[in-house]
């Protein structure tokens, strides 16, 4: 494909897109249920999600080198979080090995997604590689992971996919009736090519009525179908597992882009590839904006970018909400699925991106629960006060467990992995968010302590008054020799 100047536009030989969508789950304790979310999902009949084991199977022959490379890339305490602890020869028979707090479910009935990016565009089929749900112990959230793969696509089409794919609902409607900034039509297909679900972003009335009735946006029909039996919290559908949105409708995105010669990419191509989720492909670049003018210094990690014939010519671009890896499609190492960059993208860098967004989502859920707890407090109602205290103490305990289990500042001793991790966490502002939530919980805890001390002080004052009155009566009757009760 040529541009208006007649220059041959770059082709993308291979691309992977991984969407990570954190969702807040309704608390089962409020529904009077003792089971955990993943335990309920596993027992529901007819649902397509199946629990999958990690790579540490009983058969060592199934443990591949890519799994080993992923495992040794992280520090020991991160490994315990990701993989749990194995059995030691010194352990007694009654001791159990520590399990990972991550519970993964996968569905295999969706084979590919067909995207019609615009009304007059040809459909683009992307193969579904993985479709998973990640549950986490002690956290009321779930992360949807959708990985799709495409081959031999124009770079402009990739930019369009980066901008339009992974939006939960339309932000408005265009003149043609389609959802604004959304894929015009998305379809889930099975292996036989049968359509399983279709997007409905053009159904303007549905979204208007839902937002008016529930003060919450409705998600597109194809995303709602994909998450079943999980249903939206305000939906009229029956379901014990209910979720609500945590942030904006744009899902965090990872992109792996293999082009014929990355050195031929212009600066505009780099910016549109690295920031494709926020830059409209049909609009000119805002060159004077700081995030465009300082693109390389803010978002690029160029440890493996040489811009020379000798290479390596691989560039990592991280904006927080997106992590993009661009490299040479003619490099065997870049395309290697066992030892190369593609393997690392799907394993080590995926976990880094997952942990960064898990931390942010969990902190936002903690903050939302605190707001809900305060809004539910009525100081004139003793039942409400007792419920408030229980929820604050439970939230404080959950935050302590989160801090010791899920909160890290260093993940790896490998310089580039740690650099990408720091870049992701920095752009997501996780440290500032953690400090804010910790201070909110600390203030709540201080309030409970002061309230308990006030109640104890009031009780002591009452007992002191009663004691003094009793002492006066005792001294008076003793002095005058009076017997209040005539025992004789």
Protein backbone atom coordinates (compact mmCIF):
# COMPACT_ATOMS: atom_id res chain seq x y z
CA UNK A 1 0.00 0.00 0.00
CA UNK A 2 1.29 3.48 -0.90
CA UNK A 3 0.61 6.75 0.87
CA UNK A 4 -0.25 10.03 -0.85
CA UNK A 5 3.43 10.68 -1.63
CA UNK A 6 3.82 7.33 -3.37
CA UNK A 7 5.99 5.85 -0.61
CA UNK A 8 5.41 2.19 0.11
CA UNK A 9 3.76 1.88 3.53
CA UNK A 10 5.19 -0.69 5.99
CA UNK A 11 3.53 -4.08 6.32
CA UNK A 12 3.06 -5.90 9.62
CA UNK A 13 4.01 -9.54 9.16
CA UNK A 14 2.79 -10.63 12.61
CA UNK A 15 0.94 -8.87 15.41
CA UNK A 16 -0.39 -9.94 18.80
CA UNK A 17 -2.90 -7.90 20.80
CA UNK A 18 -3.56 -8.73 24.45
CA UNK A 19 -6.43 -6.98 26.22
CA UNK A 20 -6.45 -6.92 30.03
CA UNK A 21 -9.80 -5.78 31.45
CA UNK A 22 -9.99 -5.48 35.28
CA UNK A 23 -13.53 -5.65 36.68
CA UNK A 24 -14.81 -5.23 40.22
CA UNK A 25 -16.79 -8.17 41.59
CA UNK A 26 -19.75 -7.82 43.93
CA UNK A 27 -18.89 -8.96 47.45
CA UNK A 28 -20.30 -12.40 48.12
CA UNK A 29 -20.33 -11.75 51.88
CA UNK A 30 -23.04 -9.15 51.31
CA UNK A 31 -25.09 -11.84 49.56
CA UNK A 32 -24.72 -14.26 52.48
CA UNK A 33 -22.49 -16.65 50.49
CA UNK A 34 -19.37 -18.20 52.04
CA UNK A 35 -17.82 -19.52 48.81
CA UNK A 36 -15.32 -17.58 46.72
CA UNK A 37 -16.04 -16.27 43.24
CA UNK A 38 -13.97 -18.86 41.37
CA UNK A 39 -15.43 -21.68 43.44
CA UNK A 40 -18.93 -20.63 42.44
CA UNK A 41 -17.93 -20.29 38.78
CA UNK A 42 -16.47 -23.79 38.80
CA UNK A 43 -19.73 -25.32 40.05
CA UNK A 44 -22.15 -23.52 37.74
CA UNK A 45 -23.60 -25.94 35.16
CA UNK A 46 -23.39 -25.24 31.44
CA UNK A 47 -20.87 -22.42 31.64
CA UNK A 48 -17.90 -22.48 29.19
CA UNK A 49 -15.07 -21.54 31.58
CA UNK A 50 -12.74 -24.31 32.77
CA UNK A 51 -10.02 -24.02 35.36
CA UNK A 52 -6.50 -24.52 33.97
CA UNK A 53 -3.37 -25.63 35.80
CA UNK A 54 -0.14 -23.72 35.62
CA UNK A 55 2.99 -25.00 33.89
CA UNK A 56 4.20 -26.88 36.98
CA UNK A 57 2.54 -30.19 36.16
CA UNK A 58 3.29 -33.59 37.61
CA UNK A 59 4.96 -34.57 34.33
CA UNK A 60 8.34 -32.77 33.98
CA UNK A 61 8.28 -33.53 30.27
CA UNK A 62 5.50 -30.95 29.80
CA UNK A 63 7.58 -28.19 31.41
CA UNK A 64 9.08 -26.23 28.50
CA UNK A 65 12.12 -23.99 28.39
CA UNK A 66 9.97 -20.89 27.92
CA UNK A 67 8.24 -21.72 31.21
CA UNK A 68 11.59 -22.06 32.95
CA UNK A 69 12.86 -18.77 31.52
CA UNK A 70 9.70 -17.06 32.74
CA UNK A 71 10.07 -18.59 36.21
CA UNK A 72 13.70 -17.56 36.79
CA UNK A 73 13.10 -14.02 35.51
CA UNK A 74 11.42 -12.95 38.76
CA UNK A 75 12.60 -12.50 42.31
CA UNK A 76 11.72 -15.23 44.87
CA UNK A 77 8.87 -13.37 46.58
CA UNK A 78 7.31 -12.60 43.19
CA UNK A 79 7.61 -16.28 42.26
CA UNK A 80 5.71 -17.24 45.39
CA UNK A 81 2.92 -14.89 44.36
CA UNK A 82 2.83 -16.10 40.74
CA UNK A 83 3.43 -19.82 41.16
CA UNK A 84 3.07 -20.67 44.86
CA UNK A 85 5.52 -22.87 46.73
CA UNK A 86 6.41 -26.44 45.98
CA UNK A 87 6.74 -29.35 48.39
CA UNK A 88 10.07 -29.74 50.13
CA UNK A 89 11.60 -33.08 51.08
CA UNK A 90 11.76 -31.81 54.66
CA UNK A 91 8.04 -31.17 54.88
CA UNK A 92 5.95 -33.49 57.00
CA UNK A 93 3.14 -35.46 55.42
CA UNK A 94 0.51 -33.22 56.96
CA UNK A 95 2.01 -30.01 55.58
CA UNK A 96 0.58 -28.58 52.38
CA UNK A 97 2.49 -26.76 49.69
CA UNK A 98 1.64 -23.07 49.37
CA UNK A 99 -0.60 -22.47 46.38
CA UNK A 100 -0.59 -19.43 44.12
CA UNK A 101 -3.32 -16.87 44.92
CA UNK A 102 -4.10 -16.69 41.18
CA UNK A 103 -6.93 -18.84 39.80
CA UNK A 104 -7.19 -18.98 36.00
CA UNK A 105 -10.17 -20.09 33.92
CA UNK A 106 -10.17 -20.47 30.12
CA UNK A 107 -12.84 -20.91 27.46
CA UNK A 108 -12.05 -22.51 24.11
CA UNK A 109 -15.28 -22.14 22.12
CA UNK A 110 -14.30 -18.78 20.57
CA UNK A 111 -11.91 -19.35 17.67
CA UNK A 112 -11.54 -15.86 16.17
CA UNK A 113 -12.91 -12.33 16.14
CA UNK A 114 -14.03 -10.56 12.97
CA UNK A 115 -13.60 -6.79 13.05
CA UNK A 116 -15.28 -4.43 10.60
CA UNK A 117 -13.43 -1.26 11.54
CA UNK A 118 -15.58 1.13 9.47
CA UNK A 119 -18.83 0.84 7.50
CA UNK A 120 -17.00 0.69 4.16
CA UNK A 121 -14.01 -1.37 5.36
CA UNK A 122 -13.30 -5.02 4.62
CA UNK A 123 -13.56 -7.30 7.68
CA UNK A 124 -10.34 -8.32 9.42
CA UNK A 125 -10.17 -11.75 11.06
CA UNK A 126 -7.94 -12.18 14.11
CA UNK A 127 -7.24 -15.59 15.64
CA UNK A 128 -8.07 -15.96 19.34
CA UNK A 129 -4.97 -17.37 21.04
CA UNK A 130 -6.07 -17.18 24.70
CA UNK A 131 -9.30 -16.20 26.42
CA UNK A 132 -8.87 -16.31 30.19
CA UNK A 133 -10.33 -15.05 33.46
CA UNK A 134 -7.91 -14.31 36.32
CA UNK A 135 -9.26 -14.40 39.88
CA UNK A 136 -7.12 -13.35 42.88
CA UNK A 137 -7.34 -14.51 46.47
CA UNK A 138 -8.67 -11.85 48.90
CA UNK A 139 -9.41 -9.38 46.09
CA UNK A 140 -12.91 -8.65 44.80
CA UNK A 141 -11.85 -8.31 41.19
CA UNK A 142 -11.36 -10.36 38.05
CA UNK A 143 -9.19 -9.67 34.99
CA UNK A 144 -10.28 -10.72 31.51
CA UNK A 145 -7.32 -11.59 29.26
CA UNK A 146 -7.99 -11.80 25.53
CA UNK A 147 -5.02 -12.47 23.24
CA UNK A 148 -5.57 -12.34 19.46
CA UNK A 149 -3.17 -12.71 16.56
CA UNK A 150 -3.09 -11.35 12.99
CA UNK A 151 -0.76 -11.72 10.03
CA UNK A 152 0.17 -9.62 6.99
CA UNK A 153 -1.75 -6.47 7.85
CA UNK A 154 -1.04 -2.91 6.69
CA UNK A 155 0.42 -0.72 9.43
CA UNK A 156 -2.50 1.70 9.05
CA UNK A 157 -4.93 -1.15 9.77
CA UNK A 158 -2.93 -2.03 12.89
CA UNK A 159 -3.18 1.60 14.03
CA UNK A 160 -6.95 1.46 13.50
CA UNK A 161 -7.21 -1.75 15.54
CA UNK A 162 -5.11 -0.27 18.33
CA UNK A 163 -7.47 2.71 18.54
CA UNK A 164 -10.84 0.99 18.13
CA UNK A 165 -10.48 -2.53 19.53
CA UNK A 166 -10.98 -3.05 23.25
CA UNK A 167 -13.66 -0.47 24.03
CA UNK A 168 -16.40 -1.71 26.33
CA UNK A 169 -19.10 0.74 25.20
CA UNK A 170 -19.41 3.70 22.82
CA UNK A 171 -18.50 7.17 24.05
CA UNK A 172 -21.02 8.63 21.59
CA UNK A 173 -22.41 8.04 18.12
CA UNK A 174 -21.19 9.08 14.70
CA UNK A 175 -23.36 10.45 11.91
CA UNK A 176 -23.59 6.98 10.32
CA UNK A 177 -25.14 5.65 13.56
CA UNK A 178 -22.18 3.57 14.62
CA UNK A 179 -20.49 3.86 18.00
CA UNK A 180 -18.01 6.72 18.19
CA UNK A 181 -14.40 5.49 18.21
CA UNK A 182 -15.57 1.86 18.39
CA UNK A 183 -15.14 -0.96 15.93
CA UNK A 184 -18.14 -0.61 13.63
CA UNK A 185 -18.99 -4.32 14.00
CA UNK A 186 -17.35 -7.04 16.12
CA UNK A 187 -18.23 -10.71 15.83
CA UNK A 188 -17.11 -13.73 17.84
CA UNK A 189 -16.80 -16.83 15.63
CA UNK A 190 -16.38 -20.51 16.44
CA UNK A 191 -14.17 -22.97 14.55
CA UNK A 192 -16.89 -23.63 11.98
CA UNK A 193 -17.23 -19.92 11.23
CA UNK A 194 -20.61 -19.60 12.96
CA UNK A 195 -21.30 -16.25 14.63
CA UNK A 196 -21.56 -16.57 18.42
CA UNK A 197 -22.19 -12.94 19.37
CA UNK A 198 -22.25 -9.54 17.66
CA UNK A 199 -21.62 -6.03 18.97
CA UNK A 200 -24.55 -3.62 19.28
CA UNK A 201 -22.84 -0.24 19.63
CA UNK A 202 -25.28 1.21 17.05
CA UNK A 203 -28.19 0.55 19.45
CA UNK A 204 -28.16 4.09 20.79
CA UNK A 205 -31.43 3.80 22.71
CA UNK A 206 -30.19 0.84 24.76
CA UNK A 207 -27.21 2.76 26.14
CA UNK A 208 -29.19 5.92 26.81
CA UNK A 209 -31.94 4.09 28.72
CA UNK A 210 -29.49 2.00 30.72
CA UNK A 211 -27.38 5.00 31.77
CA UNK A 212 -30.53 6.97 32.70
CA UNK A 213 -32.00 4.11 34.75
CA UNK A 214 -28.84 2.85 36.50
CA UNK A 215 -26.40 5.78 36.38
CA UNK A 216 -23.90 3.34 34.94
CA UNK A 217 -22.95 2.63 31.31
CA UNK A 218 -24.04 -0.62 29.68
CA UNK A 219 -21.34 -2.68 27.98
CA UNK A 220 -21.60 -3.88 24.40
CA UNK A 221 -23.49 -7.10 23.77
CA UNK A 222 -20.50 -9.08 22.50
CA UNK A 223 -18.44 -8.27 25.62
CA UNK A 224 -21.40 -9.09 27.88
CA UNK A 225 -21.81 -12.46 26.12
CA UNK A 226 -18.11 -13.21 26.47
CA UNK A 227 -18.19 -12.74 30.26
CA UNK A 228 -21.22 -14.95 30.96
CA UNK A 229 -22.14 -16.26 33.53
CA UNK A 230 -20.71 -13.06 35.02
CA UNK A 231 -23.32 -10.32 34.56
CA UNK A 232 -23.24 -6.58 35.02
CA UNK A 233 -24.15 -5.42 38.52
CA UNK A 234 -27.10 -3.28 37.44
CA UNK A 235 -28.33 -5.70 34.81
CA UNK A 236 -31.73 -7.37 35.07
CA UNK A 237 -30.10 -10.73 34.26
CA UNK A 238 -30.05 -13.35 36.97
CA UNK A 239 -26.62 -14.26 38.27
CA UNK A 240 -24.75 -14.56 41.55
CA UNK A 241 -21.45 -13.43 40.01
CA UNK A 242 -21.91 -9.73 39.26
CA UNK A 243 -19.35 -7.13 38.20
CA UNK A 244 -19.05 -3.42 37.62
CA UNK A 245 -16.56 -1.27 35.74
CA UNK A 246 -13.55 0.12 37.56
CA UNK A 247 -12.21 2.70 35.13
CA UNK A 248 -12.80 4.15 31.68
CA UNK A 249 -14.18 1.98 28.90
CA UNK A 250 -10.77 1.70 27.18
CA UNK A 251 -9.19 -1.63 28.13
CA UNK A 252 -5.43 -1.80 28.84
CA UNK A 253 -3.63 -3.19 25.81
CA UNK A 254 -0.42 -4.99 24.95
CA UNK A 255 0.72 -5.05 21.31
CA UNK A 256 3.48 -7.02 19.60
CA UNK A 257 4.24 -5.66 16.11
CA UNK A 258 6.70 -7.32 13.70
CA UNK A 259 7.37 -5.09 10.66
CA UNK A 260 9.61 -5.80 7.69
CA UNK A 261 12.12 -3.08 8.57
CA UNK A 262 11.42 -1.01 11.70
CA UNK A 263 14.15 1.45 10.73
CA UNK A 264 11.91 2.64 7.88
CA UNK A 265 9.21 3.78 10.27
CA UNK A 266 8.81 7.53 10.47
CA UNK A 267 8.55 9.34 13.79
CA UNK A 268 4.81 9.72 13.21
CA UNK A 269 4.55 5.94 12.67
CA UNK A 270 6.33 5.34 15.96
CA UNK A 271 4.06 7.72 17.85
CA UNK A 272 0.87 6.31 16.32
CA UNK A 273 2.03 2.75 17.04
CA UNK A 274 3.07 3.42 20.62
CA UNK A 275 0.09 5.61 21.47
CA UNK A 276 -2.46 4.10 19.11
CA UNK A 277 -5.06 3.66 21.84
CA UNK A 278 -5.43 7.43 22.36
CA UNK A 279 -4.58 8.90 18.95
CA UNK A 280 -7.33 8.84 16.32
CA UNK A 281 -5.78 7.39 13.13
CA UNK A 282 -7.74 9.81 10.90
CA UNK A 283 -6.76 12.98 12.74
CA UNK A 284 -3.44 14.86 12.50
CA UNK A 285 -0.95 14.48 15.31
CA UNK A 286 -0.99 17.23 17.97
CA UNK A 287 2.72 17.94 17.56
CA UNK A 288 2.78 20.67 20.20
CA UNK A 289 1.33 18.49 22.93
CA UNK A 290 3.99 17.52 25.51
CA UNK A 291 3.22 13.80 25.27
CA UNK A 292 3.97 13.94 21.52
CA UNK A 293 6.93 16.32 21.67
CA UNK A 294 8.56 14.28 24.48
CA UNK A 295 7.47 10.89 23.18
CA UNK A 296 10.91 9.22 23.17
CA UNK A 297 11.98 10.46 26.60
CA UNK A 298 8.65 9.76 28.28
CA UNK A 299 7.55 6.42 26.87
CA UNK A 300 10.37 4.66 24.97
CA UNK A 301 12.66 2.05 26.52
CA UNK A 302 15.45 1.76 23.95
CA UNK A 303 17.87 -0.66 25.54
CA UNK A 304 17.47 -2.95 22.51
CA UNK A 305 17.09 -0.27 19.87
CA UNK A 306 20.29 0.42 17.89
CA UNK A 307 18.89 1.84 14.63
CA UNK A 308 21.72 0.15 12.73
CA UNK A 309 22.22 -2.79 10.42
CA UNK A 310 23.82 -4.81 13.21
CA UNK A 311 20.74 -4.41 15.44
CA UNK A 312 19.04 -5.35 17.62
CA UNK A 313 16.23 -3.13 16.45
CA UNK A 314 13.53 -3.75 19.03
CA UNK A 315 11.77 -0.86 20.75
CA UNK A 316 9.57 -1.05 23.86
CA UNK A 317 6.97 1.70 24.26
CA UNK A 318 5.02 1.97 27.50
CA UNK A 319 2.36 4.59 28.23
CA UNK A 320 0.90 2.86 31.29
CA UNK A 321 -2.37 1.91 29.65
CA UNK A 322 -0.52 0.33 26.71
CA UNK A 323 2.71 -1.65 26.26
CA UNK A 324 3.90 -1.98 22.66
CA UNK A 325 6.87 -3.97 21.37
CA UNK A 326 8.03 -3.27 17.81
CA UNK A 327 10.75 -5.25 16.06
CA UNK A 328 12.11 -6.72 12.86
CA UNK A 329 9.98 -9.39 11.19
CA UNK A 330 13.15 -10.73 9.51
CA UNK A 331 14.87 -11.42 12.83
CA UNK A 332 14.54 -15.07 13.94
CA UNK A 333 15.15 -14.06 17.55
CA UNK A 334 12.32 -11.51 17.51
CA UNK A 335 9.86 -14.14 16.23
CA UNK A 336 11.11 -17.03 18.39
CA UNK A 337 8.26 -18.44 20.50
CA UNK A 338 10.53 -20.42 22.82
CA UNK A 339 13.50 -18.15 23.63
CA UNK A 340 13.02 -14.92 21.70
CA UNK A 341 11.17 -11.65 22.11
CA UNK A 342 7.76 -13.09 21.21
CA UNK A 343 8.11 -15.67 23.98
CA UNK A 344 9.13 -12.98 26.46
CA UNK A 345 6.27 -10.73 25.34
CA UNK A 346 3.70 -13.47 25.99
CA UNK A 347 5.23 -14.54 29.32
CA UNK A 348 7.52 -12.19 31.24
CA UNK A 349 6.21 -8.89 29.91
CA UNK A 350 2.63 -10.07 30.07
CA UNK A 351 3.03 -10.82 33.79
CA UNK A 352 4.65 -7.44 34.39
CA UNK A 353 1.74 -5.69 32.68
CA UNK A 354 -0.77 -7.87 34.54
CA UNK A 355 0.73 -7.13 37.97
CA UNK A 356 0.91 -3.38 37.31
CA UNK A 357 -2.77 -3.21 36.36
CA UNK A 358 -3.75 -5.64 39.11
CA UNK A 359 -2.21 -3.29 41.67
CA UNK A 360 -3.98 -0.26 40.24
CA UNK A 361 -7.34 -2.03 39.96
CA UNK A 362 -7.11 -3.42 43.51
CA UNK A 363 -6.31 0.02 44.94
CA UNK A 364 -9.24 1.57 43.08
CA UNK A 365 -11.52 -1.18 44.43
CA UNK A 366 -10.30 -0.49 47.98
CA UNK A 367 -11.04 3.21 47.50
CA UNK A 368 -14.49 2.47 46.07
CA UNK A 369 -15.32 0.18 49.00
CA UNK A 370 -14.29 2.89 51.48
CA UNK A 371 -16.56 5.42 49.79
CA UNK A 372 -19.44 2.94 49.79
CA UNK A 373 -18.84 2.17 53.47
CA UNK A 374 -18.90 5.85 54.47
CA UNK A 375 -22.01 6.53 52.40
CA UNK A 376 -23.76 3.66 54.18
CA UNK A 377 -22.99 5.07 57.66
CA UNK A 378 -25.81 6.58 59.73
CA UNK A 379 -24.49 7.59 63.16
CA UNK A 380 -28.05 7.69 64.55
CA UNK A 381 -28.53 4.00 63.78
CA UNK A 382 -26.63 1.56 66.01
CA UNK A 383 -26.94 -1.23 63.43
CA UNK A 384 -25.40 1.00 60.77
CA UNK A 385 -22.56 1.98 63.12
CA UNK A 386 -21.76 -1.64 63.94
CA UNK A 387 -21.87 -2.57 60.23
CA UNK A 388 -19.57 0.36 59.46
CA UNK A 389 -17.04 -0.83 62.02
CA UNK A 390 -17.06 -4.38 60.71
CA UNK A 391 -16.56 -3.28 57.12
CA UNK A 392 -13.73 -0.89 58.02
CA UNK A 393 -11.90 -3.57 60.03
CA UNK A 394 -12.39 -6.10 57.22
CA UNK A 395 -11.07 -3.58 54.68
CA UNK A 396 -8.04 -2.83 56.87
CA UNK A 397 -7.24 -6.54 57.13
CA UNK A 398 -7.67 -7.02 53.37
CA UNK A 399 -5.37 -4.07 52.68
CA UNK A 400 -2.70 -5.56 54.93
CA UNK A 401 -2.91 -8.85 53.04
CA UNK A 402 -2.74 -6.96 49.74
CA UNK A 403 0.38 -5.12 50.86
CA UNK A 404 2.22 -8.28 51.84
CA UNK A 405 1.03 -10.44 48.96
CA UNK A 406 0.56 -8.22 45.91
CA UNK A 407 2.52 -5.00 46.45
CA UNK A 408 6.05 -4.93 44.98
CA UNK A 409 8.54 -2.29 43.93
CA UNK A 410 11.10 -4.66 42.45
CA UNK A 411 10.10 -7.67 40.39
CA UNK A 412 13.27 -8.78 38.68
CA UNK A 413 17.03 -8.43 38.73
CA UNK A 414 17.03 -8.27 34.93
CA UNK A 415 17.55 -4.63 34.08
CA UNK A 416 15.16 -4.38 31.16
CA UNK A 417 12.31 -6.23 32.87
CA UNK A 418 12.68 -3.99 35.91
CA UNK A 419 12.86 -0.88 33.71
CA UNK A 420 9.63 -1.77 31.90
CA UNK A 421 7.99 -2.53 35.25
CA UNK A 422 9.01 0.84 36.67
CA UNK A 423 7.84 2.62 33.53
CA UNK A 424 4.43 0.92 33.73
CA UNK A 425 3.98 1.61 37.42
CA UNK A 426 5.17 5.20 37.04
CA UNK A 427 2.71 6.06 34.26
CA UNK A 428 -0.13 4.35 36.14
CA UNK A 429 0.82 6.38 39.27
CA UNK A 430 0.49 3.31 41.46
CA UNK A 431 2.71 4.63 44.28
CA UNK A 432 0.67 7.81 44.69
CA UNK A 433 -2.56 5.82 44.59
CA UNK A 434 -1.24 3.38 47.20
CA UNK A 435 -0.29 6.25 49.54
CA UNK A 436 -3.72 7.82 49.09
CA UNK A 437 -5.61 4.60 49.87
CA UNK A 438 -3.32 3.79 52.80
CA UNK A 439 -3.94 7.24 54.30
CA UNK A 440 -7.71 6.85 53.84
CA UNK A 441 -7.69 3.49 55.60
CA UNK A 442 -5.44 4.85 58.34
CA UNK A 443 -7.86 7.74 58.93
CA UNK A 444 -10.75 5.28 59.14
CA UNK A 445 -8.82 3.12 61.59
CA UNK A 446 -7.93 6.17 63.68
CA UNK A 447 -11.58 7.18 63.73
CA UNK A 448 -12.59 3.73 64.99
CA UNK A 449 -9.92 3.83 67.72
CA UNK A 450 -10.94 7.31 68.86
CA UNK A 451 -14.62 6.34 68.82
CA UNK A 452 -13.86 3.25 70.92
CA UNK A 453 -11.88 5.35 73.39
CA UNK A 454 -14.73 7.88 73.58
CA UNK A 455 -17.23 5.14 74.33
CA UNK A 456 -14.91 3.67 76.98
CA UNK A 457 -14.47 7.11 78.54
CA UNK A 458 -18.23 7.60 78.69
CA UNK A 459 -18.62 4.22 80.34
CA UNK A 460 -15.92 5.03 82.91
CA UNK A 461 -17.59 8.37 83.70
CA UNK A 462 -20.94 6.67 84.26
CA UNK A 463 -19.37 4.02 86.50
CA UNK A 464 -17.49 6.71 88.43
CA UNK A 465 -20.70 8.65 89.09
CA UNK A 466 -22.48 5.51 90.26
CA UNK A 467 -19.53 4.61 92.48
CA UNK A 468 -19.44 8.06 94.07
CA UNK A 469 -23.20 8.02 94.77
CA UNK A 470 -22.91 4.55 96.27
CA UNK A 471 -19.96 5.65 98.41
CA UNK A 472 -21.93 8.65 99.74
CA UNK A 473 -24.86 6.41 100.64
CA UNK A 474 -22.53 3.91 102.35
CA UNK A 475 -20.74 6.56 104.43
CA UNK A 476 -24.02 8.22 105.43
CA UNK A 477 -25.71 5.04 106.58
CA UNK A 478 -22.58 3.86 108.36
CA UNK A 479 -22.11 7.14 110.22
CA UNK A 480 -25.66 7.31 111.55
CA UNK A 481 -25.88 3.59 112.20
CA UNK A 482 -28.84 3.22 109.92
CA UNK A 483 -29.95 -0.09 108.55
CA UNK A 484 -31.70 0.36 105.25
CA UNK A 485 -32.89 -3.24 105.35
CA UNK A 486 -34.30 -4.30 108.76
CA UNK A 487 -32.71 -7.73 109.04
CA UNK A 488 -33.98 -8.14 112.67
